[in-house]
């Protein structure tokens, strides 16, 4: 079995087609088919059920494909192992980050990180927590930045900072005229929530002791992955939502009166780096953590300061 053959069978499983897999691998379809047939002859098993559309792995084929994923992931780590051994801070760093952290955190550190790490090529993609964990375990990314705690095996979580939750209240809402919001008020209010799949949504529900059933307002329903979009809705319509502390500097000066501190609970969101327990690129990732922490506002806590709100995420 060769590395090329492993790449081919993984591509077929992902695309469900020998033709599409050959395009993905930049080879002719007959060449790919021949290599897979040679592998089946070598192993003396049938890897794919070719009678199905799309093509699907046989039970033993799926087991071999799963092992091929593991082998290729380890092969890709060899250059990183060499850099780690030589203590070189260089190479590629692939990072996943959730949408409720990305717009507030990345602008704080990315220029500084690039300027101080010329030999590091960093790529960042927004994904929800479940996708980040899946890609991390597959070796498709090197680290993630997510809200914690979450339940998932084989991972290491490195807390970086803790931020408070604030209310963002429409001027047409009775609570707007209060200098702060009491937690008990939130238990009775209709809160604008993010779309399901966002851990920030779960945290807001936990703070407010509410169920997750979306409600309608005057025949209008709005679901989004973006906290900024929810803020715009609050500004032009009614109701309220909760926002993280790191988002406060992005609020326009004329709208700062809509921000309300929450009393009755000292609630925090824990933001962490997540890596696999045998993670390589340790030097790159720890330098990233240092760059983030050095560029956080002084008002953001580096140590746990109160109740960390659960995310209810199990992956």
Protein backbone atom coordinates (compact mmCIF):
# COMPACT_ATOMS: atom_id res chain seq x y z
CA UNK A 1 0.00 0.00 0.00
CA UNK A 2 1.36 3.40 -0.98
CA UNK A 3 0.60 6.91 0.23
CA UNK A 4 -0.82 7.69 -3.21
CA UNK A 5 -3.21 4.74 -3.03
CA UNK A 6 -4.38 5.87 0.39
CA UNK A 7 -5.04 9.35 -0.97
CA UNK A 8 -7.06 7.85 -3.83
CA UNK A 9 -9.35 5.70 -1.67
CA UNK A 10 -9.99 8.60 0.71
CA UNK A 11 -10.90 10.83 -2.24
CA UNK A 12 -13.32 8.22 -3.63
CA UNK A 13 -15.00 7.89 -0.24
CA UNK A 14 -15.35 11.67 0.08
CA UNK A 15 -16.64 12.29 -3.46
CA UNK A 16 -18.64 9.09 -3.97
CA UNK A 17 -17.30 8.80 -7.50
CA UNK A 18 -14.15 7.54 -9.21
CA UNK A 19 -14.48 10.31 -11.80
CA UNK A 20 -14.76 13.12 -9.24
CA UNK A 21 -11.99 11.60 -7.13
CA UNK A 22 -9.65 11.54 -10.13
CA UNK A 23 -10.36 15.23 -10.77
CA UNK A 24 -9.66 16.02 -7.12
CA UNK A 25 -6.37 14.09 -7.26
CA UNK A 26 -5.38 15.55 -10.68
CA UNK A 27 -4.99 12.14 -12.33
CA UNK A 28 -6.89 10.37 -15.08
CA UNK A 29 -9.81 8.21 -14.04
CA UNK A 30 -8.27 5.02 -15.55
CA UNK A 31 -5.03 5.62 -13.63
CA UNK A 32 -6.89 6.05 -10.35
CA UNK A 33 -9.10 3.02 -11.00
CA UNK A 34 -6.05 0.90 -11.79
CA UNK A 35 -4.30 1.90 -8.56
CA UNK A 36 -7.37 1.10 -6.47
CA UNK A 37 -7.76 -2.29 -8.21
CA UNK A 38 -4.09 -3.05 -7.52
CA UNK A 39 -4.63 -2.21 -3.86
CA UNK A 40 -7.71 -4.44 -3.65
CA UNK A 41 -5.72 -7.29 -5.22
CA UNK A 42 -2.87 -6.74 -2.76
CA UNK A 43 -5.18 -6.71 0.27
CA UNK A 44 -7.47 -9.41 -1.15
CA UNK A 45 -10.62 -7.44 -0.27
CA UNK A 46 -13.15 -5.28 -2.11
CA UNK A 47 -12.92 -1.70 -0.88
CA UNK A 48 -15.88 -0.16 -2.72
CA UNK A 49 -19.35 -1.21 -3.76
CA UNK A 50 -19.31 -0.01 -7.34
CA UNK A 51 -22.97 -0.95 -7.95
CA UNK A 52 -24.20 1.89 -5.74
CA UNK A 53 -24.61 5.51 -6.77
CA UNK A 54 -22.79 7.25 -5.24
CA UNK A 55 -20.01 4.70 -4.84
CA UNK A 56 -19.68 3.73 -1.19
CA UNK A 57 -17.05 1.83 0.83
CA UNK A 58 -17.70 -1.75 1.85
CA UNK A 59 -17.56 -2.40 5.62
CA UNK A 60 -13.92 -3.52 5.44
CA UNK A 61 -13.21 -0.72 2.99
CA UNK A 62 -14.45 1.86 5.49
CA UNK A 63 -12.18 0.44 8.19
CA UNK A 64 -9.18 0.65 5.87
CA UNK A 65 -10.11 4.20 4.81
CA UNK A 66 -10.33 5.24 8.47
CA UNK A 67 -6.84 3.84 9.05
CA UNK A 68 -5.58 5.56 5.90
CA UNK A 69 -6.81 8.88 7.33
CA UNK A 70 -4.74 8.26 10.46
CA UNK A 71 -1.65 7.28 8.47
CA UNK A 72 -1.80 10.35 6.20
CA UNK A 73 -2.34 12.62 9.18
CA UNK A 74 0.84 11.27 10.75
CA UNK A 75 2.73 11.61 7.45
CA UNK A 76 1.75 15.28 7.22
CA UNK A 77 3.13 15.83 10.70
CA UNK A 78 6.68 14.74 9.82
CA UNK A 79 7.88 18.21 8.67
CA UNK A 80 6.36 19.69 11.83
CA UNK A 81 8.20 17.12 13.94
CA UNK A 82 11.48 18.19 12.35
CA UNK A 83 10.76 21.89 12.98
CA UNK A 84 9.81 21.11 16.56
CA UNK A 85 13.06 19.17 17.02
CA UNK A 86 15.07 22.07 15.60
CA UNK A 87 12.99 24.55 17.64
CA UNK A 88 12.13 26.48 14.50
CA UNK A 89 9.22 28.92 14.70
CA UNK A 90 8.22 28.71 11.04
CA UNK A 91 5.85 26.93 8.70
CA UNK A 92 2.10 26.87 8.18
CA UNK A 93 -0.42 27.34 10.98
CA UNK A 94 -4.06 26.49 10.29
CA UNK A 95 -6.50 27.86 12.83
CA UNK A 96 -10.24 27.46 13.30
CA UNK A 97 -12.25 30.03 15.27
CA UNK A 98 -15.94 30.34 16.10
CA UNK A 99 -17.94 33.27 14.62
CA UNK A 100 -18.82 34.77 18.02
CA UNK A 101 -15.12 35.28 18.82
CA UNK A 102 -13.56 35.91 15.40
CA UNK A 103 -14.61 39.53 14.62
CA UNK A 104 -13.60 40.78 18.06
CA UNK A 105 -10.37 38.86 18.68
CA UNK A 106 -8.61 38.52 15.31
CA UNK A 107 -8.20 42.29 14.67
CA UNK A 108 -6.50 42.64 18.05
CA UNK A 109 -3.57 40.34 17.38
CA UNK A 110 -3.25 39.40 13.71
CA UNK A 111 -1.09 42.33 12.54
CA UNK A 112 1.20 41.99 15.54
CA UNK A 113 1.53 38.24 14.99
CA UNK A 114 2.34 38.63 11.30
CA UNK A 115 4.89 41.37 11.95
CA UNK A 116 6.68 39.36 14.63
CA UNK A 117 6.52 35.98 12.84
CA UNK A 118 7.61 36.57 9.24
CA UNK A 119 8.28 32.86 8.65
CA UNK A 120 4.83 31.72 9.74
CA UNK A 121 1.99 31.49 7.22
CA UNK A 122 -1.23 31.58 9.22
CA UNK A 123 -4.62 30.73 7.74
CA UNK A 124 -7.82 31.21 9.73
CA UNK A 125 -11.32 29.94 9.01
CA UNK A 126 -14.59 30.52 10.84
CA UNK A 127 -16.52 27.42 11.85
CA UNK A 128 -18.89 26.40 14.60
CA UNK A 129 -17.38 24.43 17.48
CA UNK A 130 -18.40 20.99 16.22
CA UNK A 131 -16.72 21.58 12.84
CA UNK A 132 -13.54 22.85 14.50
CA UNK A 133 -13.31 19.75 16.70
CA UNK A 134 -13.95 17.44 13.74
CA UNK A 135 -11.28 19.12 11.61
CA UNK A 136 -8.85 19.14 14.52
CA UNK A 137 -9.22 15.40 15.07
CA UNK A 138 -8.80 14.78 11.33
CA UNK A 139 -5.61 16.85 11.28
CA UNK A 140 -7.10 19.41 8.87
CA UNK A 141 -6.32 22.28 11.26
CA UNK A 142 -3.65 22.70 13.93
CA UNK A 143 -5.64 24.47 16.65
CA UNK A 144 -8.97 26.06 17.39
CA UNK A 145 -10.18 29.06 19.37
CA UNK A 146 -13.51 28.25 20.99
CA UNK A 147 -15.64 28.90 24.05
CA UNK A 148 -15.15 26.29 26.75
CA UNK A 149 -15.74 24.06 28.61
CA UNK A 150 -16.92 21.42 26.15
CA UNK A 151 -16.99 17.63 26.37
CA UNK A 152 -14.69 15.91 23.88
CA UNK A 153 -12.07 13.19 24.23
CA UNK A 154 -8.43 13.33 23.15
CA UNK A 155 -8.12 17.11 23.30
CA UNK A 156 -6.25 19.65 25.40
CA UNK A 157 -7.85 22.97 26.29
CA UNK A 158 -5.65 25.98 27.07
CA UNK A 159 -7.68 28.85 28.59
CA UNK A 160 -6.61 32.31 27.39
CA UNK A 161 -9.11 34.79 28.80
CA UNK A 162 -12.48 35.34 30.47
CA UNK A 163 -15.01 37.94 29.37
CA UNK A 164 -18.28 39.16 30.85
CA UNK A 165 -21.71 39.11 29.24
CA UNK A 166 -23.58 42.38 28.72
CA UNK A 167 -27.14 43.22 27.76
CA UNK A 168 -27.84 45.15 24.55
CA UNK A 169 -31.31 46.69 24.88
CA UNK A 170 -33.58 48.41 22.38
CA UNK A 171 -34.54 51.99 23.24
CA UNK A 172 -38.18 50.96 22.96
CA UNK A 173 -37.76 48.35 25.70
CA UNK A 174 -38.67 49.12 29.35
CA UNK A 175 -35.28 47.82 30.55
CA UNK A 176 -33.53 50.47 28.44
CA UNK A 177 -34.35 53.04 31.11
CA UNK A 178 -32.50 51.05 33.77
CA UNK A 179 -28.79 51.64 34.35
CA UNK A 180 -28.28 47.86 34.57
CA UNK A 181 -30.23 44.62 34.08
CA UNK A 182 -30.95 42.14 36.84
CA UNK A 183 -30.55 38.47 36.01
CA UNK A 184 -34.13 37.86 37.15
CA UNK A 185 -35.35 40.28 34.49
CA UNK A 186 -33.69 38.16 31.82
CA UNK A 187 -35.61 35.07 32.92
CA UNK A 188 -38.86 36.72 31.87
CA UNK A 189 -37.74 38.51 28.72
CA UNK A 190 -37.81 37.44 25.09
CA UNK A 191 -34.15 37.42 24.05
CA UNK A 192 -32.87 37.53 20.49
CA UNK A 193 -30.80 34.34 20.12
CA UNK A 194 -28.22 33.09 17.67
CA UNK A 195 -29.02 30.16 15.42
CA UNK A 196 -28.80 26.65 16.88
CA UNK A 197 -25.27 25.24 16.70
CA UNK A 198 -23.69 28.30 18.30
CA UNK A 199 -22.37 27.71 21.81
CA UNK A 200 -22.95 31.41 22.64
CA UNK A 201 -26.66 30.74 22.15
CA UNK A 202 -26.49 27.92 24.71
CA UNK A 203 -24.64 30.15 27.16
CA UNK A 204 -27.25 32.92 26.84
CA UNK A 205 -30.03 30.39 27.46
CA UNK A 206 -28.16 29.13 30.54
CA UNK A 207 -27.75 32.64 31.93
CA UNK A 208 -31.39 33.51 31.34
CA UNK A 209 -32.79 30.15 32.49
CA UNK A 210 -34.93 30.00 29.37
CA UNK A 211 -35.78 27.23 26.96
CA UNK A 212 -34.40 27.17 23.43
CA UNK A 213 -37.72 27.53 21.60
CA UNK A 214 -37.55 30.51 19.23
CA UNK A 215 -40.36 33.04 19.50
CA UNK A 216 -41.95 35.29 16.91
CA UNK A 217 -42.33 39.05 17.17
CA UNK A 218 -45.08 40.60 15.08
CA UNK A 219 -44.79 37.95 12.36
CA UNK A 220 -41.02 38.40 12.19
CA UNK A 221 -38.42 35.73 12.86
CA UNK A 222 -34.68 36.18 12.52
CA UNK A 223 -31.91 33.61 12.98
CA UNK A 224 -28.23 34.30 12.49
CA UNK A 225 -24.74 33.06 13.33
CA UNK A 226 -23.67 36.69 13.89
CA UNK A 227 -23.86 38.66 17.12
CA UNK A 228 -23.42 41.83 15.05
CA UNK A 229 -26.57 41.00 13.08
CA UNK A 230 -28.55 40.54 16.30
CA UNK A 231 -27.31 43.93 17.49
CA UNK A 232 -28.57 45.57 14.30
CA UNK A 233 -32.00 43.98 14.83
CA UNK A 234 -32.14 45.31 18.40
CA UNK A 235 -31.20 48.77 17.14
CA UNK A 236 -33.94 48.99 14.52
CA UNK A 237 -36.72 46.95 16.11
CA UNK A 238 -37.25 45.93 19.72
CA UNK A 239 -36.17 43.48 22.42
CA UNK A 240 -32.69 42.74 23.68
CA UNK A 241 -29.80 40.35 23.25
CA UNK A 242 -26.63 39.48 25.14
CA UNK A 243 -23.17 40.32 23.84
CA UNK A 244 -19.61 39.42 24.92
CA UNK A 245 -17.35 41.97 26.58
CA UNK A 246 -14.79 41.92 23.77
CA UNK A 247 -17.44 43.21 21.36
CA UNK A 248 -17.97 46.47 23.27
CA UNK A 249 -15.25 48.51 21.46
CA UNK A 250 -17.06 47.89 18.15
CA UNK A 251 -20.26 49.56 19.33
CA UNK A 252 -20.83 52.99 17.82
CA UNK A 253 -20.55 55.85 20.28
CA UNK A 254 -24.18 56.83 19.75
CA UNK A 255 -25.31 53.31 20.74
CA UNK A 256 -23.29 52.83 23.93
CA UNK A 257 -26.38 53.83 25.94
CA UNK A 258 -27.94 50.51 24.86
CA UNK A 259 -25.26 48.50 26.69
CA UNK A 260 -26.35 47.35 30.15
CA UNK A 261 -24.34 45.57 32.82
CA UNK A 262 -25.94 42.41 34.18
CA UNK A 263 -26.41 42.29 37.95
CA UNK A 264 -27.20 39.30 40.12
CA UNK A 265 -24.69 36.97 38.49
CA UNK A 266 -20.95 37.24 37.84
CA UNK A 267 -20.98 35.30 34.59
CA UNK A 268 -18.01 34.79 32.28
CA UNK A 269 -17.28 33.22 28.94
CA UNK A 270 -14.07 31.20 28.94
CA UNK A 271 -12.16 31.37 25.64
CA UNK A 272 -9.52 28.72 25.02
CA UNK A 273 -7.12 27.31 22.50
CA UNK A 274 -7.95 23.69 21.73
CA UNK A 275 -5.39 21.23 20.37
CA UNK A 276 -4.96 17.47 20.21
CA UNK A 277 -3.10 16.00 23.17
CA UNK A 278 -0.17 15.00 20.96
CA UNK A 279 -0.16 18.35 19.19
CA UNK A 280 2.83 19.37 17.15
CA UNK A 281 3.69 22.94 16.18
CA UNK A 282 3.81 23.58 19.91
CA UNK A 283 6.17 26.51 19.40
CA UNK A 284 3.90 28.15 16.81
CA UNK A 285 0.76 27.64 18.86
CA UNK A 286 2.21 28.89 22.13
CA UNK A 287 3.60 31.96 20.33
CA UNK A 288 0.09 32.52 19.00
CA UNK A 289 -1.31 32.31 22.53
CA UNK A 290 1.29 34.79 23.74
CA UNK A 291 0.47 37.22 20.92
CA UNK A 292 -3.23 37.05 21.74
CA UNK A 293 -2.74 37.59 25.46
CA UNK A 294 -0.34 40.50 24.93
CA UNK A 295 -2.91 42.34 22.79
CA UNK A 296 -6.03 41.84 24.89
CA UNK A 297 -7.57 44.92 26.54
CA UNK A 298 -6.58 45.35 30.18
CA UNK A 299 -10.22 44.96 31.21
CA UNK A 300 -10.28 41.35 30.00
CA UNK A 301 -9.42 38.82 32.69
CA UNK A 302 -6.59 36.36 32.14
CA UNK A 303 -7.66 34.27 35.14
CA UNK A 304 -11.05 32.87 36.09
CA UNK A 305 -12.94 35.59 37.96
CA UNK A 306 -16.42 34.18 38.50
CA UNK A 307 -18.94 31.67 37.20
CA UNK A 308 -17.94 30.18 33.84
CA UNK A 309 -21.11 29.60 31.84
CA UNK A 310 -21.46 26.13 30.33
CA UNK A 311 -21.60 25.72 26.55
CA UNK A 312 -23.53 22.41 26.59
CA UNK A 313 -21.37 21.24 23.67
CA UNK A 314 -20.59 17.52 23.42
CA UNK A 315 -18.55 16.40 20.41
